[in-house]
Structure formats: C-alpha cells, structure tokens
C-alpha cells in the first residue's frame, strides 16, 4: 500500500510476497526491517499484509517457516536443532512447542506420520512450496470446463496461425510429403523410448510438484517394468497434478526446482502440457503398434472414452 495514495493493488501485494519469500532464509529479520525493504512504515506494512492475507506479517512468516520445517523434517534432511535455528527460534525447545501446537505432533515424530502435505490453516491460501518458494492461489476460481475451454481456444488460435503461415510458401512446398521430425520432443524414437517417455513424463511432474530438486532416475523400460512404474505413478499424478487443476485450482502456481534455473508453472499449464505432448507420443506409439499388426486401439481417439457413442474418428469416412 502506498502511504500517500492508499494503493493496495496486486502488483504491490506481489512485491511484498516476493520480499517475504526472499526473507525465509533470514528468520532473524525483524518486522521493521522487512517493512523497510518494502519502503513502508511498520504500521502500514502490517495493515496491508493483515488486510490482504488475513494474518499479520509476523504470524505469516512464522507459519511459512514452520511449513518449511515440516517439509525438511519429513525428508529427514536435518535435525530438530537445525530446523529450530532455520525457523528463527531461540532454542529447540521453543521450536518443538510451536511445531507441536501447529501440527499436533512434535518435530521428532513428524517424519513417522508419513505426511506429504505441510499446509497449515490459512485464509489466504498462501503456503510454503519446496524447496524454497511459495504456492499462491489464483485470484479467481477456475473449473475443469475452464481448462478445457482454454485448451480449445489455444488449439483454434494455433490452427489459424498455421494457416496464415502457409500463405508464405509455394505449392511445391505445401504439397511435399512430410517426413517424421520431432526434434526437441523425441529424437530417433522407438516404440520403447516413446512408451517409456509417456511414463517418465508423469514421474517428472509428480517430482516437480513434490519439490524435488532434480530429474527422476531412469527406471526399468521393459514392458513389465513400465507397467510397474505406471501403477505407482498414476495415482500420484492424479492426486498431485491433475486433481488441483480439475478442482478449480488450475491457476495456482508452484516452483519447479527440477529446472535449471527453477521455473514457475501452474497446475493447469502442466496438465495442458502433458496432454498435448502425450498426444504426439501416443499417436507415434499406436502407429508403431499398427505397423506390427497390433491394431485393436484404433487411433486412440478420446472422443468415445470422454463421452458419447461415436466411433473412433479415424474410422469415420467424411464426405
């Protein structure tokens, strides 16, 4: 909030959230110092944060630091003493009392609970996201239909862009047969590599949403190995990637630390990405299977699976 204009727009709030995020590694930072970095008086800073987030800045930072501590302890990456200092507490005993009040279990026993979600109650919906960022709620509610609408809009826009660009080429180029070229997606693909990529893509995004700091190790690519990996990752992908997007949180953001440097994505963006690039790989895999006489999947068209009683579109003769 600008002390002279009273402006408390989203840009100002976003800037304050960035300051808070950057200060998580400075737990000893005082409220006055944090307000000073925002170029606000302590009074106006506290009033802005409380009005926007439903809690004063001190409580907001303490909650985020406790959520971060829960993540670190669940991973077994540090001791209770380490977590106490990192969260800005003067002693492990004070930290343990605060942690137990917040999570209902002392930090020494937290890992045994098996929890993977570290969110504490907060009206703002702003939470710590591993390894060191914040997860911010969307400013508006989105639904699965909103997501599908946006994917449709993108498709129609892109088709128009492609049509426009064909006007730049002569007939000889337009009528030249296209050779398979998927550079940047899958180079020198085989049926095994394409099928493995369909599975590993799910594993990669589950790891990213969970705050992993590196790509998953390459797993077993035999048919039995891929089936086992899929059985493990499918429910995790549904719960941690697809469910938020389809439950009205498609615009919620998270930091993907598997990228170098880390990138920020939304759940909806990830789901759209997976569906788009998986469609390419599914088509390649089904084509390879068909070449070998395994053709009971048709073209893998989703129309009948999603709804309706129509045949696979690849088998319909258009007039």
Protein backbone atom coordinates (compact mmCIF):
# COMPACT_ATOMS: atom_id res chain seq x y z
CA UNK A 1 0.00 0.00 0.00
CA UNK A 2 1.40 3.38 -0.97
CA UNK A 3 1.26 5.59 2.11
CA UNK A 4 0.22 8.62 0.08
CA UNK A 5 -2.15 7.10 -2.47
CA UNK A 6 -3.53 4.18 -0.48
CA UNK A 7 -2.92 1.91 -3.47
CA UNK A 8 -3.00 -1.77 -2.49
CA UNK A 9 -3.15 -3.38 -5.93
CA UNK A 10 -1.96 -6.84 -6.88
CA UNK A 11 1.46 -5.58 -8.01
CA UNK A 12 2.17 -4.15 -4.56
CA UNK A 13 1.00 -7.34 -2.85
CA UNK A 14 3.03 -9.48 -5.24
CA UNK A 15 6.10 -7.44 -4.38
CA UNK A 16 5.55 -7.96 -0.67
CA UNK A 17 5.08 -11.69 -1.15
CA UNK A 18 8.37 -11.78 -3.02
CA UNK A 19 10.04 -9.98 -0.12
CA UNK A 20 8.63 -12.49 2.35
CA UNK A 21 9.73 -15.39 0.14
CA UNK A 22 13.26 -13.98 -0.10
CA UNK A 23 13.36 -13.47 3.67
CA UNK A 24 12.69 -17.12 4.56
CA UNK A 25 16.42 -17.71 4.76
CA UNK A 26 16.72 -14.73 7.13
CA UNK A 27 14.48 -15.84 10.02
CA UNK A 28 16.13 -13.32 12.33
CA UNK A 29 14.83 -10.43 10.18
CA UNK A 30 12.65 -8.07 12.22
CA UNK A 31 9.29 -6.71 11.20
CA UNK A 32 10.74 -3.22 10.94
CA UNK A 33 13.48 -4.42 8.61
CA UNK A 34 11.02 -6.26 6.38
CA UNK A 35 8.74 -3.22 6.22
CA UNK A 36 11.75 -1.08 5.36
CA UNK A 37 12.55 -3.32 2.40
CA UNK A 38 9.01 -2.69 1.18
CA UNK A 39 9.61 1.08 1.64
CA UNK A 40 6.72 1.24 4.10
CA UNK A 41 6.35 2.14 7.74
CA UNK A 42 5.84 -0.80 10.08
CA UNK A 43 2.25 0.35 10.72
CA UNK A 44 1.28 0.50 7.03
CA UNK A 45 3.13 -2.70 6.20
CA UNK A 46 1.37 -4.64 8.96
CA UNK A 47 -2.00 -3.19 7.96
CA UNK A 48 -1.53 -4.11 4.29
CA UNK A 49 -0.41 -7.68 4.98
CA UNK A 50 -3.17 -8.30 7.52
CA UNK A 51 -5.85 -6.93 5.17
CA UNK A 52 -4.62 -8.90 2.16
CA UNK A 53 -3.64 -12.19 3.80
CA UNK A 54 -5.79 -12.38 6.91
CA UNK A 55 -2.82 -12.60 9.29
CA UNK A 56 -0.13 -10.18 10.45
CA UNK A 57 3.26 -10.42 8.71
CA UNK A 58 4.99 -11.93 11.74
CA UNK A 59 2.47 -14.76 12.01
CA UNK A 60 2.55 -15.19 8.23
CA UNK A 61 6.33 -15.68 8.17
CA UNK A 62 6.31 -17.96 11.21
CA UNK A 63 3.69 -20.17 9.58
CA UNK A 64 5.67 -20.42 6.35
CA UNK A 65 8.84 -21.23 8.27
CA UNK A 66 7.03 -23.97 10.20
CA UNK A 67 5.67 -25.41 6.94
CA UNK A 68 9.20 -25.39 5.54
CA UNK A 69 10.46 -27.10 8.68
CA UNK A 70 7.81 -29.81 8.27
CA UNK A 71 8.99 -30.43 4.70
CA UNK A 72 12.65 -30.65 5.79
CA UNK A 73 11.87 -32.96 8.73
CA UNK A 74 9.67 -35.22 6.57
CA UNK A 75 12.60 -35.68 4.19
CA UNK A 76 14.96 -36.47 7.06
CA UNK A 77 17.22 -33.70 5.77
CA UNK A 78 18.04 -32.07 9.10
CA UNK A 79 17.85 -32.33 12.86
CA UNK A 80 15.30 -30.69 15.11
CA UNK A 81 18.01 -28.27 16.25
CA UNK A 82 18.85 -27.35 12.65
CA UNK A 83 15.18 -26.73 11.94
CA UNK A 84 14.81 -24.60 15.07
CA UNK A 85 17.62 -22.24 14.03
CA UNK A 86 16.41 -22.15 10.40
CA UNK A 87 12.93 -21.17 11.57
CA UNK A 88 14.27 -18.38 13.77
CA UNK A 89 13.59 -19.91 17.18
CA UNK A 90 15.96 -19.25 20.05
CA UNK A 91 16.02 -22.85 21.25
CA UNK A 92 14.98 -26.32 20.08
CA UNK A 93 12.51 -26.46 22.97
CA UNK A 94 10.67 -23.33 21.84
CA UNK A 95 10.59 -24.63 18.27
CA UNK A 96 9.28 -28.03 19.39
CA UNK A 97 6.44 -26.42 21.35
CA UNK A 98 5.43 -24.21 18.40
CA UNK A 99 5.70 -27.09 15.94
CA UNK A 100 3.60 -29.42 18.12
CA UNK A 101 0.91 -26.75 18.52
CA UNK A 102 0.79 -26.26 14.75
CA UNK A 103 0.97 -29.87 13.52
CA UNK A 104 -0.32 -31.83 16.51
CA UNK A 105 2.87 -33.87 16.75
CA UNK A 106 6.38 -32.96 17.95
CA UNK A 107 9.03 -32.45 15.27
CA UNK A 108 10.94 -35.53 16.43
CA UNK A 109 7.99 -37.71 15.43
CA UNK A 110 6.77 -35.84 12.39
CA UNK A 111 8.52 -37.93 9.75
CA UNK A 112 6.86 -41.09 11.06
CA UNK A 113 3.43 -39.63 10.23
CA UNK A 114 4.15 -40.04 6.51
CA UNK A 115 2.56 -36.70 5.67
CA UNK A 116 3.30 -35.22 2.26
CA UNK A 117 1.23 -32.03 2.60
CA UNK A 118 2.62 -29.48 5.02
CA UNK A 119 -0.04 -26.76 4.77
CA UNK A 120 -1.23 -25.17 7.99
CA UNK A 121 -4.66 -23.48 8.05
CA UNK A 122 -4.54 -20.09 6.33
CA UNK A 123 -7.35 -17.97 4.93
CA UNK A 124 -5.05 -16.56 2.24
CA UNK A 125 -4.21 -19.92 0.67
CA UNK A 126 -0.55 -18.87 0.50
CA UNK A 127 1.74 -21.70 1.60
CA UNK A 128 5.36 -22.77 1.51
CA UNK A 129 6.30 -24.76 -1.59
CA UNK A 130 9.50 -26.79 -1.53
CA UNK A 131 12.33 -26.36 -1.90
CA UNK A 132 12.20 -22.65 -1.08
CA UNK A 133 9.26 -20.82 -2.62
CA UNK A 134 5.60 -20.00 -2.08
CA UNK A 135 2.48 -21.54 -3.57
CA UNK A 136 -0.01 -18.80 -4.41
CA UNK A 137 -3.73 -19.30 -5.03
CA UNK A 138 -5.33 -17.97 -8.16
CA UNK A 139 -7.22 -14.70 -7.91
CA UNK A 140 -10.27 -16.39 -9.43
CA UNK A 141 -11.93 -19.79 -9.25
CA UNK A 142 -11.38 -21.99 -12.30
CA UNK A 143 -13.10 -25.25 -13.20
CA UNK A 144 -12.34 -28.26 -15.36
CA UNK A 145 -14.55 -26.70 -18.03
CA UNK A 146 -12.48 -23.51 -17.90
CA UNK A 147 -9.36 -25.58 -18.52
CA UNK A 148 -10.92 -27.42 -21.45
CA UNK A 149 -12.12 -24.11 -22.88
CA UNK A 150 -8.63 -22.67 -22.74
CA UNK A 151 -7.15 -25.73 -24.41
CA UNK A 152 -9.77 -25.40 -27.16
CA UNK A 153 -9.04 -21.69 -27.56
CA UNK A 154 -5.32 -22.43 -27.88
CA UNK A 155 -5.95 -25.12 -30.48
CA UNK A 156 -8.14 -22.88 -32.62
CA UNK A 157 -5.70 -19.98 -32.34
CA UNK A 158 -2.76 -22.16 -33.31
CA UNK A 159 -4.59 -23.61 -36.33
CA UNK A 160 -5.23 -20.07 -37.54
CA UNK A 161 -1.58 -19.17 -37.06
CA UNK A 162 -0.51 -22.21 -39.08
CA UNK A 163 -2.97 -21.39 -41.87
CA UNK A 164 -1.65 -17.84 -42.02
CA UNK A 165 1.89 -19.10 -42.41
CA UNK A 166 1.04 -21.43 -45.29
CA UNK A 167 0.42 -18.31 -47.38
CA UNK A 168 4.16 -17.64 -47.28
CA UNK A 169 5.02 -20.86 -49.11
CA UNK A 170 4.54 -22.01 -52.72
CA UNK A 171 2.51 -25.02 -53.83
CA UNK A 172 5.56 -27.24 -54.28
CA UNK A 173 6.49 -26.83 -50.62
CA UNK A 174 2.91 -27.19 -49.41
CA UNK A 175 2.43 -30.46 -51.30
CA UNK A 176 5.79 -32.02 -50.38
CA UNK A 177 5.43 -35.19 -48.24
CA UNK A 178 6.29 -34.66 -44.58
CA UNK A 179 8.95 -36.89 -43.07
CA UNK A 180 8.75 -37.72 -39.38
CA UNK A 181 10.56 -34.99 -37.48
CA UNK A 182 10.11 -34.49 -33.76
CA UNK A 183 13.37 -32.75 -32.88
CA UNK A 184 13.03 -31.22 -29.44
CA UNK A 185 10.33 -33.72 -28.45
CA UNK A 186 11.69 -37.22 -29.12
CA UNK A 187 14.71 -37.68 -31.37
CA UNK A 188 15.25 -41.05 -33.08
CA UNK A 189 12.16 -42.51 -31.41
CA UNK A 190 11.49 -46.21 -30.96
CA UNK A 191 8.36 -47.86 -29.63
CA UNK A 192 10.20 -48.50 -26.38
CA UNK A 193 11.54 -44.96 -25.96
CA UNK A 194 8.19 -43.32 -26.77
CA UNK A 195 6.31 -45.59 -24.38
CA UNK A 196 8.91 -45.02 -21.66
CA UNK A 197 8.61 -41.26 -22.15
CA UNK A 198 4.85 -41.44 -21.62
CA UNK A 199 5.56 -42.91 -18.19
CA UNK A 200 8.61 -40.84 -17.25
CA UNK A 201 6.77 -37.60 -18.09
CA UNK A 202 4.28 -38.40 -15.33
CA UNK A 203 7.12 -39.22 -12.92
CA UNK A 204 8.88 -35.96 -13.77
CA UNK A 205 5.87 -33.76 -13.00
CA UNK A 206 5.00 -35.58 -9.78
CA UNK A 207 8.58 -34.97 -8.64
CA UNK A 208 8.37 -31.31 -9.63
CA UNK A 209 5.12 -30.72 -7.73
CA UNK A 210 6.57 -32.52 -4.70
CA UNK A 211 9.50 -30.09 -4.66
CA UNK A 212 12.16 -32.47 -5.98
CA UNK A 213 15.48 -30.91 -6.95
CA UNK A 214 16.48 -32.97 -9.97
CA UNK A 215 15.06 -35.25 -12.61
CA UNK A 216 13.98 -38.74 -11.51
CA UNK A 217 16.43 -41.55 -12.20
CA UNK A 218 15.76 -43.55 -15.33
CA UNK A 219 13.73 -46.62 -14.47
CA UNK A 220 13.14 -50.06 -15.91
CA UNK A 221 12.00 -49.79 -19.56
CA UNK A 222 10.97 -53.41 -20.06
CA UNK A 223 7.20 -53.88 -20.59
CA UNK A 224 6.84 -55.32 -17.09
CA UNK A 225 8.97 -52.55 -15.60
CA UNK A 226 6.96 -49.84 -17.33
CA UNK A 227 3.70 -51.38 -16.13
CA UNK A 228 5.00 -51.39 -12.54
CA UNK A 229 6.20 -47.78 -12.79
CA UNK A 230 2.86 -46.69 -14.25
CA UNK A 231 0.95 -48.44 -11.48
CA UNK A 232 2.96 -46.42 -8.95
CA UNK A 233 2.94 -43.02 -10.62
CA UNK A 234 -0.61 -42.91 -11.98
CA UNK A 235 -2.40 -42.36 -8.63
CA UNK A 236 0.28 -39.85 -7.59
CA UNK A 237 -0.17 -37.88 -10.82
CA UNK A 238 -3.96 -37.90 -10.42
CA UNK A 239 -3.72 -36.68 -6.82
CA UNK A 240 -0.94 -34.12 -7.00
CA UNK A 241 -1.10 -32.76 -10.56
CA UNK A 242 -4.48 -33.44 -12.16
CA UNK A 243 -6.73 -33.07 -9.10
CA UNK A 244 -5.72 -29.47 -8.28
CA UNK A 245 -6.21 -28.44 -11.93
CA UNK A 246 -9.60 -30.12 -12.15
CA UNK A 247 -10.72 -28.91 -8.71
CA UNK A 248 -10.74 -25.22 -9.55
CA UNK A 249 -7.05 -24.51 -8.83
CA UNK A 250 -5.73 -24.66 -12.39
CA UNK A 251 -4.12 -21.23 -11.97
CA UNK A 252 -2.35 -21.99 -8.69
CA UNK A 253 1.41 -21.69 -9.17
CA UNK A 254 4.37 -23.69 -7.94
CA UNK A 255 8.12 -23.57 -8.47
CA UNK A 256 9.66 -26.47 -10.43
CA UNK A 257 13.13 -26.95 -8.96
CA UNK A 258 13.93 -29.76 -11.41
CA UNK A 259 14.54 -26.99 -13.97
CA UNK A 260 17.84 -25.14 -14.08
CA UNK A 261 17.19 -22.36 -13.24
CA UNK A 262 13.89 -23.12 -11.44
CA UNK A 263 10.73 -22.17 -13.33
CA UNK A 264 7.22 -21.26 -12.18
CA UNK A 265 4.26 -23.20 -13.58
CA UNK A 266 0.54 -23.62 -12.93
CA UNK A 267 -1.22 -26.93 -12.42
CA UNK A 268 -3.40 -26.17 -15.44
CA UNK A 269 -0.37 -25.40 -17.58
CA UNK A 270 1.27 -28.67 -16.59
CA UNK A 271 -1.85 -30.68 -17.35
CA UNK A 272 -2.24 -29.00 -20.74
CA UNK A 273 1.45 -29.66 -21.46
CA UNK A 274 1.19 -33.33 -20.55
CA UNK A 275 -1.98 -33.89 -22.58
CA UNK A 276 -0.52 -32.12 -25.62
CA UNK A 277 2.85 -33.81 -25.79
CA UNK A 278 1.44 -37.16 -24.72
CA UNK A 279 -0.95 -36.98 -27.67
CA UNK A 280 2.07 -36.82 -30.01
CA UNK A 281 3.75 -39.76 -28.32
CA UNK A 282 0.55 -41.83 -28.11
CA UNK A 283 0.00 -41.39 -31.82
CA UNK A 284 3.57 -42.43 -32.59
CA UNK A 285 3.30 -45.49 -30.35
CA UNK A 286 -0.07 -46.57 -31.79
CA UNK A 287 1.31 -46.15 -35.31
CA UNK A 288 4.28 -48.37 -34.48
CA UNK A 289 1.97 -50.96 -32.97
CA UNK A 290 -0.31 -50.89 -36.01
CA UNK A 291 2.69 -51.46 -38.27
CA UNK A 292 3.26 -54.66 -36.33
CA UNK A 293 -0.36 -55.79 -36.66
CA UNK A 294 -1.48 -54.74 -33.15
CA UNK A 295 -4.34 -52.51 -34.24
CA UNK A 296 -7.10 -53.00 -31.65
CA UNK A 297 -6.56 -49.49 -30.23
CA UNK A 298 -7.64 -47.79 -33.45
CA UNK A 299 -6.16 -44.31 -33.43
CA UNK A 300 -6.51 -43.90 -29.68
CA UNK A 301 -9.18 -41.27 -30.19
CA UNK A 302 -10.51 -39.95 -26.82
CA UNK A 303 -13.99 -38.96 -28.04
CA UNK A 304 -15.82 -42.17 -27.14
CA UNK A 305 -13.88 -42.54 -23.88
CA UNK A 306 -14.75 -39.00 -22.78
CA UNK A 307 -18.41 -39.21 -23.72
CA UNK A 308 -20.89 -40.17 -26.39
CA UNK A 309 -21.29 -43.26 -28.51
CA UNK A 310 -19.46 -42.22 -31.67
CA UNK A 311 -16.89 -44.42 -33.37
CA UNK A 312 -13.18 -43.71 -33.39
CA UNK A 313 -12.86 -40.61 -35.57
CA UNK A 314 -10.07 -42.21 -37.59
CA UNK A 315 -12.53 -44.83 -38.84
CA UNK A 316 -15.22 -42.38 -39.99
CA UNK A 317 -15.41 -41.60 -43.71
CA UNK A 318 -16.01 -37.90 -44.25
CA UNK A 319 -17.98 -36.70 -47.27
